[in-house]
Amino acid sequence: MDTMTGDMASPLALFGAKLAGAVGGSVISIAYLLPNGRREAMARFLTGAVTGVVFGGPAGIALGDHLALGGRVGAAELLLIGSAAVSLSAWWALGALQRFAEGLWVRPVRKGRS
C-alpha cells in the first residue's frame, strides 16, 4: 500500500521501481568510475542490476527505517531507493571482498636481516 496516497501498488509497479533503481544505480556506478573496457562495464552493469533487483526490497526497508521515512514515502519509492543503493554499492563491496580474499592467500614478504 502506498502510504502517501493510500493506493495499493501493483506487483508490476513494484518490480518496475526495483528495476529502475537497479539500472539507475548501475549506470551511476559506471559513470562515477569509468571501467577499463566493455567487458568490465557489462560485468559491473549486470552485477549492479541483479543485486539491486534481488536485494533492493530489504535494503529499501532498512534504509527507510534508518532514515525514519515511514509514512512519508510509498512502497515503490522505498524499493527504488533500496535498489539504487544496493546497485550503486555492489561493485564496490565486491571489490573490497576480492581484495580481502586475495590477502588471505598471499604470504607476506619478509625482509632479510642485515
PDB file of N, CA and C in Angstrom:
ATOM      1  N   MET A   1       0.839  -1.173   0.000  1.00  0.00           N
ATOM      2  CA  MET A   1       0.000   0.000   0.000  1.00  0.00           C
ATOM      3  C   MET A   1       0.887   1.240   0.000  1.00  0.00           C
ATOM      4  N   ASP A   2       0.601   2.180  -0.834  1.00  0.00           N
ATOM      5  CA  ASP A   2       1.331   3.432  -0.906  1.00  0.00           C
ATOM      6  C   ASP A   2       0.865   4.310   0.245  1.00  0.00           C
ATOM      7  N   THR A   3       1.755   4.615   1.169  1.00  0.00           N
ATOM      8  CA  THR A   3       1.356   5.330   2.374  1.00  0.00           C
ATOM      9  C   THR A   3       1.027   6.794   2.119  1.00  0.00           C
ATOM     10  N   MET A   4       1.500   7.348   1.019  1.00  0.00           N
ATOM     11  CA  MET A   4       1.200   8.753   0.739  1.00  0.00           C
ATOM     12  C   MET A   4      -0.209   8.928   0.181  1.00  0.00           C
ATOM     13  N   THR A   5      -0.631   7.998  -0.676  1.00  0.00           N
ATOM     14  CA  THR A   5      -1.933   8.149  -1.319  1.00  0.00           C
ATOM     15  C   THR A   5      -2.953   7.149  -0.815  1.00  0.00           C
ATOM     16  N   GLY A   6      -2.509   6.104  -0.141  1.00  0.00           N
ATOM     17  CA  GLY A   6      -3.425   5.077   0.337  1.00  0.00           C
ATOM     18  C   GLY A   6      -3.772   4.060  -0.729  1.00  0.00           C
ATOM     19  N   ASP A   7      -3.145   4.149  -1.911  1.00  0.00           N
ATOM     20  CA  ASP A   7      -3.417   3.218  -3.002  1.00  0.00           C
ATOM     21  C   ASP A   7      -2.512   2.002  -2.899  1.00  0.00           C
ATOM     22  N   MET A   8      -3.037   0.880  -3.356  1.00  0.00           N
ATOM     23  CA  MET A   8      -2.242  -0.336  -3.424  1.00  0.00           C
ATOM     24  C   MET A   8      -1.373  -0.279  -4.673  1.00  0.00           C
ATOM     25  N   ALA A   9      -0.092  -0.563  -4.515  1.00  0.00           N
ATOM     26  CA  ALA A   9       0.803  -0.608  -5.663  1.00  0.00           C
ATOM     27  C   ALA A   9       0.755  -2.016  -6.242  1.00  0.00           C
ATOM     28  N   SER A  10       0.673  -2.107  -7.554  1.00  0.00           N
ATOM     29  CA  SER A  10       0.624  -3.416  -8.198  1.00  0.00           C
ATOM     30  C   SER A  10       1.995  -4.069  -8.143  1.00  0.00           C
ATOM     31  N   PRO A  11       2.040  -5.387  -8.175  1.00  0.00           N
ATOM     32  CA  PRO A  11       3.333  -6.072  -8.182  1.00  0.00           C
ATOM     33  C   PRO A  11       4.203  -5.653  -9.369  1.00  0.00           C
ATOM     34  N   LEU A  12       3.579  -5.383 -10.502  1.00  0.00           N
ATOM     35  CA  LEU A  12       4.337  -4.955 -11.673  1.00  0.00           C
ATOM     36  C   LEU A  12       4.957  -3.576 -11.437  1.00  0.00           C
ATOM     37  N   ALA A  13       4.219  -2.674 -10.799  1.00  0.00           N
ATOM     38  CA  ALA A  13       4.752  -1.347 -10.493  1.00  0.00           C
ATOM     39  C   ALA A  13       5.902  -1.445  -9.493  1.00  0.00           C
ATOM     40  N   LEU A  14       5.782  -2.331  -8.528  1.00  0.00           N
ATOM     41  CA  LEU A  14       6.848  -2.505  -7.550  1.00  0.00           C
ATOM     42  C   LEU A  14       8.101  -3.086  -8.196  1.00  0.00           C
ATOM     43  N   PHE A  15       7.905  -4.064  -9.083  1.00  0.00           N
ATOM     44  CA  PHE A  15       9.057  -4.621  -9.793  1.00  0.00           C
ATOM     45  C   PHE A  15       9.684  -3.566 -10.695  1.00  0.00           C
ATOM     46  N   GLY A  16       8.865  -2.758 -11.329  1.00  0.00           N
ATOM     47  CA  GLY A  16       9.377  -1.680 -12.173  1.00  0.00           C
ATOM     48  C   GLY A  16      10.211  -0.690 -11.376  1.00  0.00           C
ATOM     49  N   ALA A  17       9.770  -0.390 -10.163  1.00  0.00           N
ATOM     50  CA  ALA A  17      10.532   0.522  -9.299  1.00  0.00           C
ATOM     51  C   ALA A  17      11.873  -0.095  -8.922  1.00  0.00           C
ATOM     52  N   LYS A  18      11.868  -1.403  -8.595  1.00  0.00           N
ATOM     53  CA  LYS A  18      13.128  -2.073  -8.272  1.00  0.00           C
ATOM     54  C   LYS A  18      14.059  -2.078  -9.476  1.00  0.00           C
ATOM     55  N   LEU A  19      13.520  -2.380 -10.643  1.00  0.00           N
ATOM     56  CA  LEU A  19      14.336  -2.437 -11.857  1.00  0.00           C
ATOM     57  C   LEU A  19      14.892  -1.058 -12.201  1.00  0.00           C
ATOM     58  N   ALA A  20      14.075  -0.029 -12.094  1.00  0.00           N
ATOM     59  CA  ALA A  20      14.540   1.332 -12.383  1.00  0.00           C
ATOM     60  C   ALA A  20      15.645   1.752 -11.419  1.00  0.00           C
ATOM     61  N   GLY A  21      15.483   1.443 -10.149  1.00  0.00           N
ATOM     62  CA  GLY A  21      16.522   1.767  -9.176  1.00  0.00           C
ATOM     63  C   GLY A  21      17.806   1.005  -9.433  1.00  0.00           C
ATOM     64  N   ALA A  22      17.675  -0.280  -9.777  1.00  0.00           N
ATOM     65  CA  ALA A  22      18.856  -1.105 -10.036  1.00  0.00           C
ATOM     66  C   ALA A  22      19.615  -0.617 -11.263  1.00  0.00           C
ATOM     67  N   VAL A  23      18.894  -0.307 -12.319  1.00  0.00           N
ATOM     68  CA  VAL A  23      19.537   0.186 -13.544  1.00  0.00           C
ATOM     69  C   VAL A  23      20.162   1.561 -13.289  1.00  0.00           C
ATOM     70  N   GLY A  24      19.437   2.422 -12.603  1.00  0.00           N
ATOM     71  CA  GLY A  24      19.976   3.744 -12.294  1.00  0.00           C
ATOM     72  C   GLY A  24      21.240   3.676 -11.457  1.00  0.00           C
ATOM     73  N   GLY A  25      21.238   2.837 -10.445  1.00  0.00           N
ATOM     74  CA  GLY A  25      22.431   2.670  -9.614  1.00  0.00           C
ATOM     75  C   GLY A  25      23.603   2.120 -10.399  1.00  0.00           C
ATOM     76  N   SER A  26      23.337   1.182 -11.303  1.00  0.00           N
ATOM     77  CA  SER A  26      24.405   0.610 -12.131  1.00  0.00           C
ATOM     78  C   SER A  26      25.015   1.655 -13.053  1.00  0.00           C
ATOM     79  N   VAL A  27      24.162   2.455 -13.671  1.00  0.00           N
ATOM     80  CA  VAL A  27      24.650   3.486 -14.584  1.00  0.00           C
ATOM     81  C   VAL A  27      25.486   4.519 -13.830  1.00  0.00           C
ATOM     82  N   ILE A  28      25.022   4.923 -12.660  1.00  0.00           N
ATOM     83  CA  ILE A  28      25.782   5.888 -11.858  1.00  0.00           C
ATOM     84  C   ILE A  28      27.120   5.286 -11.442  1.00  0.00           C
ATOM     85  N   SER A  29      27.125   4.010 -11.072  1.00  0.00           N
ATOM     86  CA  SER A  29      28.358   3.338 -10.681  1.00  0.00           C
ATOM     87  C   SER A  29      29.368   3.332 -11.819  1.00  0.00           C
ATOM     88  N   ILE A  30      28.900   3.070 -13.022  1.00  0.00           N
ATOM     89  CA  ILE A  30      29.796   3.041 -14.181  1.00  0.00           C
ATOM     90  C   ILE A  30      30.284   4.451 -14.512  1.00  0.00           C
ATOM     91  N   ALA A  31      29.405   5.437 -14.424  1.00  0.00           N
ATOM     92  CA  ALA A  31      29.787   6.811 -14.737  1.00  0.00           C
ATOM     93  C   ALA A  31      30.729   7.395 -13.692  1.00  0.00           C
ATOM     94  N   TYR A  32      30.574   6.972 -12.450  1.00  0.00           N
ATOM     95  CA  TYR A  32      31.391   7.507 -11.358  1.00  0.00           C
ATOM     96  C   TYR A  32      32.849   7.110 -11.503  1.00  0.00           C
ATOM     97  N   LEU A  33      33.093   5.857 -11.835  1.00  0.00           N
ATOM     98  CA  LEU A  33      34.444   5.363 -12.057  1.00  0.00           C
ATOM     99  C   LEU A  33      34.412   4.557 -13.347  1.00  0.00           C
ATOM    100  N   LEU A  34      34.970   5.127 -14.391  1.00  0.00           N
ATOM    101  CA  LEU A  34      34.880   4.501 -15.704  1.00  0.00           C
ATOM    102  C   LEU A  34      35.579   3.142 -15.713  1.00  0.00           C
ATOM    103  N   PRO A  35      34.945   2.150 -16.342  1.00  0.00           N
ATOM    104  CA  PRO A  35      35.536   0.816 -16.410  1.00  0.00           C
ATOM    105  C   PRO A  35      36.705   0.778 -17.392  1.00  0.00           C
ATOM    106  N   ASN A  36      37.488  -0.294 -17.312  1.00  0.00           N
ATOM    107  CA  ASN A  36      38.652  -0.457 -18.185  1.00  0.00           C
ATOM    108  C   ASN A  36      38.286  -0.876 -19.599  1.00  0.00           C
ATOM    109  N   GLY A  37      37.115  -1.384 -19.807  1.00  0.00           N
ATOM    110  CA  GLY A  37      36.709  -1.814 -21.140  1.00  0.00           C
ATOM    111  C   GLY A  37      35.240  -2.210 -21.146  1.00  0.00           C
ATOM    112  N   ARG A  38      34.800  -2.676 -22.309  1.00  0.00           N
ATOM    113  CA  ARG A  38      33.395  -3.065 -22.449  1.00  0.00           C
ATOM    114  C   ARG A  38      33.038  -4.251 -21.570  1.00  0.00           C
ATOM    115  N   ARG A  39      33.941  -5.187 -21.469  1.00  0.00           N
ATOM    116  CA  ARG A  39      33.666  -6.383 -20.673  1.00  0.00           C
ATOM    117  C   ARG A  39      33.463  -6.024 -19.198  1.00  0.00           C
ATOM    118  N   GLU A  40      34.339  -5.175 -18.669  1.00  0.00           N
ATOM    119  CA  GLU A  40      34.183  -4.755 -17.277  1.00  0.00           C
ATOM    120  C   GLU A  40      32.923  -3.911 -17.098  1.00  0.00           C
ATOM    121  N   ALA A  41      32.625  -3.082 -18.073  1.00  0.00           N
ATOM    122  CA  ALA A  41      31.405  -2.266 -17.988  1.00  0.00           C
ATOM    123  C   ALA A  41      30.167  -3.152 -17.939  1.00  0.00           C
ATOM    124  N   MET A  42      30.126  -4.176 -18.780  1.00  0.00           N
ATOM    125  CA  MET A  42      28.977  -5.076 -18.794  1.00  0.00           C
ATOM    126  C   MET A  42      28.895  -5.872 -17.490  1.00  0.00           C
ATOM    127  N   ALA A  43      30.035  -6.320 -16.989  1.00  0.00           N
ATOM    128  CA  ALA A  43      30.044  -7.066 -15.725  1.00  0.00           C
ATOM    129  C   ALA A  43      29.557  -6.187 -14.576  1.00  0.00           C
ATOM    130  N   ARG A  44      30.006  -4.948 -14.542  1.00  0.00           N
ATOM    131  CA  ARG A  44      29.568  -4.039 -13.484  1.00  0.00           C
ATOM    132  C   ARG A  44      28.093  -3.721 -13.597  1.00  0.00           C
ATOM    133  N   PHE A  45      27.628  -3.499 -14.824  1.00  0.00           N
ATOM    134  CA  PHE A  45      26.216  -3.191 -15.017  1.00  0.00           C
ATOM    135  C   PHE A  45      25.334  -4.359 -14.586  1.00  0.00           C
ATOM    136  N   LEU A  46      25.666  -5.558 -15.040  1.00  0.00           N
ATOM    137  CA  LEU A  46      24.859  -6.729 -14.700  1.00  0.00           C
ATOM    138  C   LEU A  46      24.921  -7.044 -13.207  1.00  0.00           C
ATOM    139  N   THR A  47      26.098  -6.909 -12.618  1.00  0.00           N
ATOM    140  CA  THR A  47      26.229  -7.141 -11.178  1.00  0.00           C
ATOM    141  C   THR A  47      25.339  -6.185 -10.395  1.00  0.00           C
ATOM    142  N   GLY A  48      25.390  -4.916 -10.748  1.00  0.00           N
ATOM    143  CA  GLY A  48      24.562  -3.927 -10.071  1.00  0.00           C
ATOM    144  C   GLY A  48      23.084  -4.147 -10.293  1.00  0.00           C
ATOM    145  N   ALA A  49      22.713  -4.460 -11.535  1.00  0.00           N
ATOM    146  CA  ALA A  49      21.292  -4.655 -11.841  1.00  0.00           C
ATOM    147  C   ALA A  49      20.717  -5.861 -11.096  1.00  0.00           C
ATOM    148  N   VAL A  50      21.435  -6.965 -11.113  1.00  0.00           N
ATOM    149  CA  VAL A  50      20.938  -8.179 -10.455  1.00  0.00           C
ATOM    150  C   VAL A  50      20.879  -8.000  -8.942  1.00  0.00           C
ATOM    151  N   THR A  51      21.940  -7.464  -8.351  1.00  0.00           N
ATOM    152  CA  THR A  51      21.918  -7.288  -6.899  1.00  0.00           C
ATOM    153  C   THR A  51      20.871  -6.258  -6.482  1.00  0.00           C
ATOM    154  N   GLY A  52      20.671  -5.237  -7.297  1.00  0.00           N
ATOM    155  CA  GLY A  52      19.653  -4.240  -6.985  1.00  0.00           C
ATOM    156  C   GLY A  52      18.251  -4.815  -7.000  1.00  0.00           C
ATOM    157  N   VAL A  53      17.964  -5.655  -7.986  1.00  0.00           N
ATOM    158  CA  VAL A  53      16.638  -6.271  -8.062  1.00  0.00           C
ATOM    159  C   VAL A  53      16.447  -7.280  -6.932  1.00  0.00           C
ATOM    160  N   VAL A  54      17.468  -8.069  -6.649  1.00  0.00           N
ATOM    161  CA  VAL A  54      17.343  -9.122  -5.637  1.00  0.00           C
ATOM    162  C   VAL A  54      17.289  -8.550  -4.218  1.00  0.00           C
ATOM    163  N   PHE A  55      18.174  -7.617  -3.919  1.00  0.00           N
ATOM    164  CA  PHE A  55      18.294  -7.128  -2.541  1.00  0.00           C
ATOM    165  C   PHE A  55      17.700  -5.736  -2.331  1.00  0.00           C
ATOM    166  N   GLY A  56      17.059  -5.172  -3.333  1.00  0.00           N
ATOM    167  CA  GLY A  56      16.505  -3.824  -3.224  1.00  0.00           C
ATOM    168  C   GLY A  56      15.400  -3.691  -2.202  1.00  0.00           C
ATOM    169  N   GLY A  57      14.549  -4.691  -2.091  1.00  0.00           N
ATOM    170  CA  GLY A  57      13.450  -4.631  -1.124  1.00  0.00           C
ATOM    171  C   GLY A  57      13.920  -4.538   0.314  1.00  0.00           C
ATOM    172  N   PRO A  58      14.724  -5.504   0.769  1.00  0.00           N
ATOM    173  CA  PRO A  58      15.211  -5.428   2.148  1.00  0.00           C
ATOM    174  C   PRO A  58      16.050  -4.178   2.409  1.00  0.00           C
ATOM    175  N   ALA A  59      16.840  -3.776   1.421  1.00  0.00           N
ATOM    176  CA  ALA A  59      17.658  -2.576   1.607  1.00  0.00           C
ATOM    177  C   ALA A  59      16.788  -1.333   1.716  1.00  0.00           C
ATOM    178  N   GLY A  60      15.736  -1.257   0.908  1.00  0.00           N
ATOM    179  CA  GLY A  60      14.827  -0.122   0.980  1.00  0.00           C
ATOM    180  C   GLY A  60      14.127  -0.038   2.327  1.00  0.00           C
ATOM    181  N   ILE A  61      13.708  -1.180   2.840  1.00  0.00           N
ATOM    182  CA  ILE A  61      13.063  -1.208   4.155  1.00  0.00           C
ATOM    183  C   ILE A  61      14.047  -0.775   5.238  1.00  0.00           C
ATOM    184  N   ALA A  62      15.272  -1.306   5.167  1.00  0.00           N
ATOM    185  CA  ALA A  62      16.288  -0.954   6.164  1.00  0.00           C
ATOM    186  C   ALA A  62      16.626   0.539   6.097  1.00  0.00           C
ATOM    187  N   LEU A  63      16.796   1.057   4.893  1.00  0.00           N
ATOM    188  CA  LEU A  63      17.093   2.485   4.757  1.00  0.00           C
ATOM    189  C   LEU A  63      15.919   3.341   5.211  1.00  0.00           C
ATOM    190  N   GLY A  64      14.711   2.894   4.883  1.00  0.00           N
ATOM    191  CA  GLY A  64      13.528   3.625   5.327  1.00  0.00           C
ATOM    192  C   GLY A  64      13.428   3.681   6.836  1.00  0.00           C
ATOM    193  N   ASP A  65      13.724   2.567   7.491  1.00  0.00           N
ATOM    194  CA  ASP A  65      13.713   2.540   8.960  1.00  0.00           C
ATOM    195  C   ASP A  65      14.826   3.425   9.540  1.00  0.00           C
ATOM    196  N   HIS A  66      16.011   3.307   8.954  1.00  0.00           N
ATOM    197  CA  HIS A  66      17.156   4.067   9.449  1.00  0.00           C
ATOM    198  C   HIS A  66      16.958   5.575   9.280  1.00  0.00           C
ATOM    199  N   LEU A  67      16.348   5.962   8.179  1.00  0.00           N
ATOM    200  CA  LEU A  67      16.135   7.387   7.906  1.00  0.00           C
ATOM    201  C   LEU A  67      14.777   7.889   8.388  1.00  0.00           C
ATOM    202  N   ALA A  68      14.024   7.035   9.057  1.00  0.00           N
ATOM    203  CA  ALA A  68      12.698   7.382   9.587  1.00  0.00           C
ATOM    204  C   ALA A  68      11.784   7.911   8.494  1.00  0.00           C
ATOM    205  N   LEU A  69      11.681   7.142   7.402  1.00  0.00           N
ATOM    206  CA  LEU A  69      10.845   7.549   6.282  1.00  0.00           C
ATOM    207  C   LEU A  69       9.436   6.979   6.349  1.00  0.00           C
ATOM    208  N   GLY A  70       9.146   6.191   7.369  1.00  0.00           N
ATOM    209  CA  GLY A  70       7.838   5.559   7.483  1.00  0.00           C
ATOM    210  C   GLY A  70       6.705   6.563   7.392  1.00  0.00           C
ATOM    211  N   GLY A  71       5.755   6.306   6.501  1.00  0.00           N
ATOM    212  CA  GLY A  71       4.617   7.177   6.334  1.00  0.00           C
ATOM    213  C   GLY A  71       4.868   8.372   5.427  1.00  0.00           C
ATOM    214  N   ARG A  72       6.102   8.578   5.033  1.00  0.00           N
ATOM    215  CA  ARG A  72       6.428   9.715   4.170  1.00  0.00           C
ATOM    216  C   ARG A  72       6.589   9.331   2.713  1.00  0.00           C
ATOM    217  N   VAL A  73       7.010   8.112   2.465  1.00  0.00           N
ATOM    218  CA  VAL A  73       7.174   7.635   1.092  1.00  0.00           C
ATOM    219  C   VAL A  73       6.442   6.307   0.947  1.00  0.00           C
ATOM    220  N   GLY A  74       6.093   5.987  -0.266  1.00  0.00           N
ATOM    221  CA  GLY A  74       5.376   4.751  -0.529  1.00  0.00           C
ATOM    222  C   GLY A  74       6.299   3.570  -0.751  1.00  0.00           C
ATOM    223  N   ALA A  75       5.687   2.427  -0.962  1.00  0.00           N
ATOM    224  CA  ALA A  75       6.441   1.190  -1.162  1.00  0.00           C
ATOM    225  C   ALA A  75       7.306   1.262  -2.411  1.00  0.00           C
ATOM    226  N   ALA A  76       6.786   1.835  -3.482  1.00  0.00           N
ATOM    227  CA  ALA A  76       7.557   1.928  -4.725  1.00  0.00           C
ATOM    228  C   ALA A  76       8.799   2.797  -4.537  1.00  0.00           C
ATOM    229  N   GLU A  77       8.656   3.881  -3.805  1.00  0.00           N
ATOM    230  CA  GLU A  77       9.804   4.747  -3.562  1.00  0.00           C
ATOM    231  C   GLU A  77      10.856   4.058  -2.708  1.00  0.00           C
ATOM    232  N   LEU A  78      10.401   3.305  -1.698  1.00  0.00           N
ATOM    233  CA  LEU A  78      11.354   2.562  -0.873  1.00  0.00           C
ATOM    234  C   LEU A  78      12.111   1.530  -1.701  1.00  0.00           C
ATOM    235  N   LEU A  79      11.407   0.858  -2.606  1.00  0.00           N
ATOM    236  CA  LEU A  79      12.076  -0.116  -3.467  1.00  0.00           C
ATOM    237  C   LEU A  79      13.061   0.570  -4.406  1.00  0.00           C
ATOM    238  N   LEU A  80      12.681   1.714  -4.926  1.00  0.00           N
ATOM    239  CA  LEU A  80      13.569   2.470  -5.809  1.00  0.00           C
ATOM    240  C   LEU A  80      14.830   2.889  -5.067  1.00  0.00           C
ATOM    241  N   ILE A  81      14.664   3.424  -3.865  1.00  0.00           N
ATOM    242  CA  ILE A  81      15.800   3.858  -3.046  1.00  0.00           C
ATOM    243  C   ILE A  81      16.706   2.669  -2.713  1.00  0.00           C
ATOM    244  N   GLY A  82      16.113   1.589  -2.254  1.00  0.00           N
ATOM    245  CA  GLY A  82      16.901   0.418  -1.870  1.00  0.00           C
ATOM    246  C   GLY A  82      17.626  -0.207  -3.035  1.00  0.00           C
ATOM    247  N   SER A  83      16.956  -0.343  -4.162  1.00  0.00           N
ATOM    248  CA  SER A  83      17.587  -0.945  -5.343  1.00  0.00           C
ATOM    249  C   SER A  83      18.727  -0.092  -5.869  1.00  0.00           C
ATOM    250  N   ALA A  84      18.537   1.213  -5.886  1.00  0.00           N
ATOM    251  CA  ALA A  84      19.605   2.102  -6.351  1.00  0.00           C
ATOM    252  C   ALA A  84      20.809   2.046  -5.416  1.00  0.00           C
ATOM    253  N   ALA A  85      20.556   2.039  -4.119  1.00  0.00           N
ATOM    254  CA  ALA A  85      21.657   1.992  -3.150  1.00  0.00           C
ATOM    255  C   ALA A  85      22.442   0.689  -3.251  1.00  0.00           C
ATOM    256  N   VAL A  86      21.724  -0.422  -3.353  1.00  0.00           N
ATOM    257  CA  VAL A  86      22.402  -1.718  -3.462  1.00  0.00           C
ATOM    258  C   VAL A  86      23.163  -1.807  -4.776  1.00  0.00           C
ATOM    259  N   SER A  87      22.534  -1.381  -5.851  1.00  0.00           N
ATOM    260  CA  SER A  87      23.162  -1.445  -7.163  1.00  0.00           C
ATOM    261  C   SER A  87      24.417  -0.580  -7.222  1.00  0.00           C
ATOM    262  N   LEU A  88      24.340   0.597  -6.654  1.00  0.00           N
ATOM    263  CA  LEU A  88      25.474   1.517  -6.662  1.00  0.00           C
ATOM    264  C   LEU A  88      26.638   0.977  -5.843  1.00  0.00           C
ATOM    265  N   SER A  89      26.357   0.322  -4.746  1.00  0.00           N
ATOM    266  CA  SER A  89      27.426  -0.138  -3.862  1.00  0.00           C
ATOM    267  C   SER A  89      27.871  -1.572  -4.113  1.00  0.00           C
ATOM    268  N   ALA A  90      27.186  -2.314  -4.964  1.00  0.00           N
ATOM    269  CA  ALA A  90      27.507  -3.734  -5.163  1.00  0.00           C
ATOM    270  C   ALA A  90      28.923  -3.932  -5.687  1.00  0.00           C
ATOM    271  N   TRP A  91      29.313  -3.185  -6.707  1.00  0.00           N
ATOM    272  CA  TRP A  91      30.627  -3.379  -7.308  1.00  0.00           C
ATOM    273  C   TRP A  91      31.727  -3.002  -6.321  1.00  0.00           C
ATOM    274  N   TRP A  92      31.489  -1.954  -5.533  1.00  0.00           N
ATOM    275  CA  TRP A  92      32.476  -1.536  -4.543  1.00  0.00           C
ATOM    276  C   TRP A  92      32.626  -2.607  -3.464  1.00  0.00           C
ATOM    277  N   ALA A  93      31.521  -3.171  -3.029  1.00  0.00           N
ATOM    278  CA  ALA A  93      31.572  -4.212  -1.996  1.00  0.00           C
ATOM    279  C   ALA A  93      32.269  -5.458  -2.517  1.00  0.00           C
ATOM    280  N   LEU A  94      31.990  -5.830  -3.758  1.00  0.00           N
ATOM    281  CA  LEU A  94      32.657  -6.998  -4.336  1.00  0.00           C
ATOM    282  C   LEU A  94      34.151  -6.753  -4.497  1.00  0.00           C
ATOM    283  N   GLY A  95      34.537  -5.543  -4.837  1.00  0.00           N
ATOM    284  CA  GLY A  95      35.964  -5.208  -4.945  1.00  0.00           C
ATOM    285  C   GLY A  95      36.666  -5.311  -3.605  1.00  0.00           C
ATOM    286  N   ALA A  96      36.023  -4.821  -2.552  1.00  0.00           N
ATOM    287  CA  ALA A  96      36.605  -4.921  -1.212  1.00  0.00           C
ATOM    288  C   ALA A  96      36.704  -6.378  -0.777  1.00  0.00           C
ATOM    289  N   LEU A  97      35.678  -7.159  -1.071  1.00  0.00           N
ATOM    290  CA  LEU A  97      35.694  -8.586  -0.731  1.00  0.00           C
ATOM    291  C   LEU A  97      36.801  -9.309  -1.498  1.00  0.00           C
ATOM    292  N   GLN A  98      37.005  -8.949  -2.765  1.00  0.00           N
ATOM    293  CA  GLN A  98      38.060  -9.572  -3.560  1.00  0.00           C
ATOM    294  C   GLN A  98      39.430  -9.257  -2.980  1.00  0.00           C
ATOM    295  N   ARG A  99      39.664  -8.008  -2.617  1.00  0.00           N
ATOM    296  CA  ARG A  99      40.954  -7.642  -2.031  1.00  0.00           C
ATOM    297  C   ARG A  99      41.189  -8.358  -0.706  1.00  0.00           C
ATOM    298  N   PHE A 100      40.135  -8.489   0.084  1.00  0.00           N
ATOM    299  CA  PHE A 100      40.251  -9.210   1.354  1.00  0.00           C
ATOM    300  C   PHE A 100      40.593 -10.671   1.097  1.00  0.00           C
ATOM    301  N   ALA A 101      39.891 -11.296   0.140  1.00  0.00           N
ATOM    302  CA  ALA A 101      40.132 -12.711  -0.163  1.00  0.00           C
ATOM    303  C   ALA A 101      41.531 -12.922  -0.726  1.00  0.00           C
ATOM    304  N   GLU A 102      41.986 -12.025  -1.571  1.00  0.00           N
ATOM    305  CA  GLU A 102      43.341 -12.162  -2.115  1.00  0.00           C
ATOM    306  C   GLU A 102      44.382 -12.060  -1.012  1.00  0.00           C
ATOM    307  N   GLY A 103      44.117 -11.231  -0.011  1.00  0.00           N
ATOM    308  CA  GLY A 103      45.046 -11.074   1.102  1.00  0.00           C
ATOM    309  C   GLY A 103      45.127 -12.306   1.987  1.00  0.00           C
ATOM    310  N   LEU A 104      44.103 -13.156   1.946  1.00  0.00           N
ATOM    311  CA  LEU A 104      44.117 -14.356   2.773  1.00  0.00           C
ATOM    312  C   LEU A 104      45.125 -15.385   2.287  1.00  0.00           C
ATOM    313  N   TRP A 105      45.396 -15.409   0.987  1.00  0.00           N
ATOM    314  CA  TRP A 105      46.255 -16.442   0.423  1.00  0.00           C
ATOM    315  C   TRP A 105      47.615 -15.927  -0.026  1.00  0.00           C
ATOM    316  N   VAL A 106      47.897 -14.688   0.228  1.00  0.00           N
ATOM    317  CA  VAL A 106      49.191 -14.133  -0.139  1.00  0.00           C
ATOM    318  C   VAL A 106      50.080 -14.135   1.089  1.00  0.00           C
ATOM    319  N   ARG A 107      51.254 -14.720   0.935  1.00  0.00           N
ATOM    320  CA  ARG A 107      52.186 -14.744   2.045  1.00  0.00           C
ATOM    321  C   ARG A 107      52.892 -13.387   2.119  1.00  0.00           C
ATOM    322  N   PRO A 108      53.033 -12.867   3.311  1.00  0.00           N
ATOM    323  CA  PRO A 108      53.748 -11.604   3.433  1.00  0.00           C
ATOM    324  C   PRO A 108      55.214 -11.762   3.101  1.00  0.00           C
ATOM    325  N   VAL A 109      55.779 -10.779   2.454  1.00  0.00           N
ATOM    326  CA  VAL A 109      57.197 -10.797   2.110  1.00  0.00           C
ATOM    327  C   VAL A 109      57.967 -10.314   3.320  1.00  0.00           C
ATOM    328  N   ARG A 110      58.889 -11.167   3.745  1.00  0.00           N
ATOM    329  CA  ARG A 110      59.705 -10.795   4.926  1.00  0.00           C
ATOM    330  C   ARG A 110      61.052 -10.316   4.445  1.00  0.00           C
ATOM    331  N   LYS A 111      61.465  -9.228   4.997  1.00  0.00           N
ATOM    332  CA  LYS A 111      62.765  -8.679   4.656  1.00  0.00           C
ATOM    333  C   LYS A 111      63.822  -9.403   5.464  1.00  0.00           C
ATOM    334  N   GLY A 112      64.911  -9.703   4.804  1.00  0.00           N
ATOM    335  CA  GLY A 112      66.006 -10.378   5.494  1.00  0.00           C
ATOM    336  C   GLY A 112      66.727  -9.438   6.442  1.00  0.00           C
ATOM    337  N   ARG A 113      67.341 -10.014   7.451  1.00  0.00           N
ATOM    338  CA  ARG A 113      68.086  -9.189   8.401  1.00  0.00           C
ATOM    339  C   ARG A 113      69.449  -8.879   7.817  1.00  0.00           C
ATOM    340  N   SER A 114      69.885  -7.651   8.070  1.00  0.00           N
ATOM    341  CA  SER A 114      71.200  -7.290   7.563  1.00  0.00           C
ATOM    342  C   SER A 114      72.246  -7.259   8.637  1.00  0.00           C
TER     343      SER A 114
END
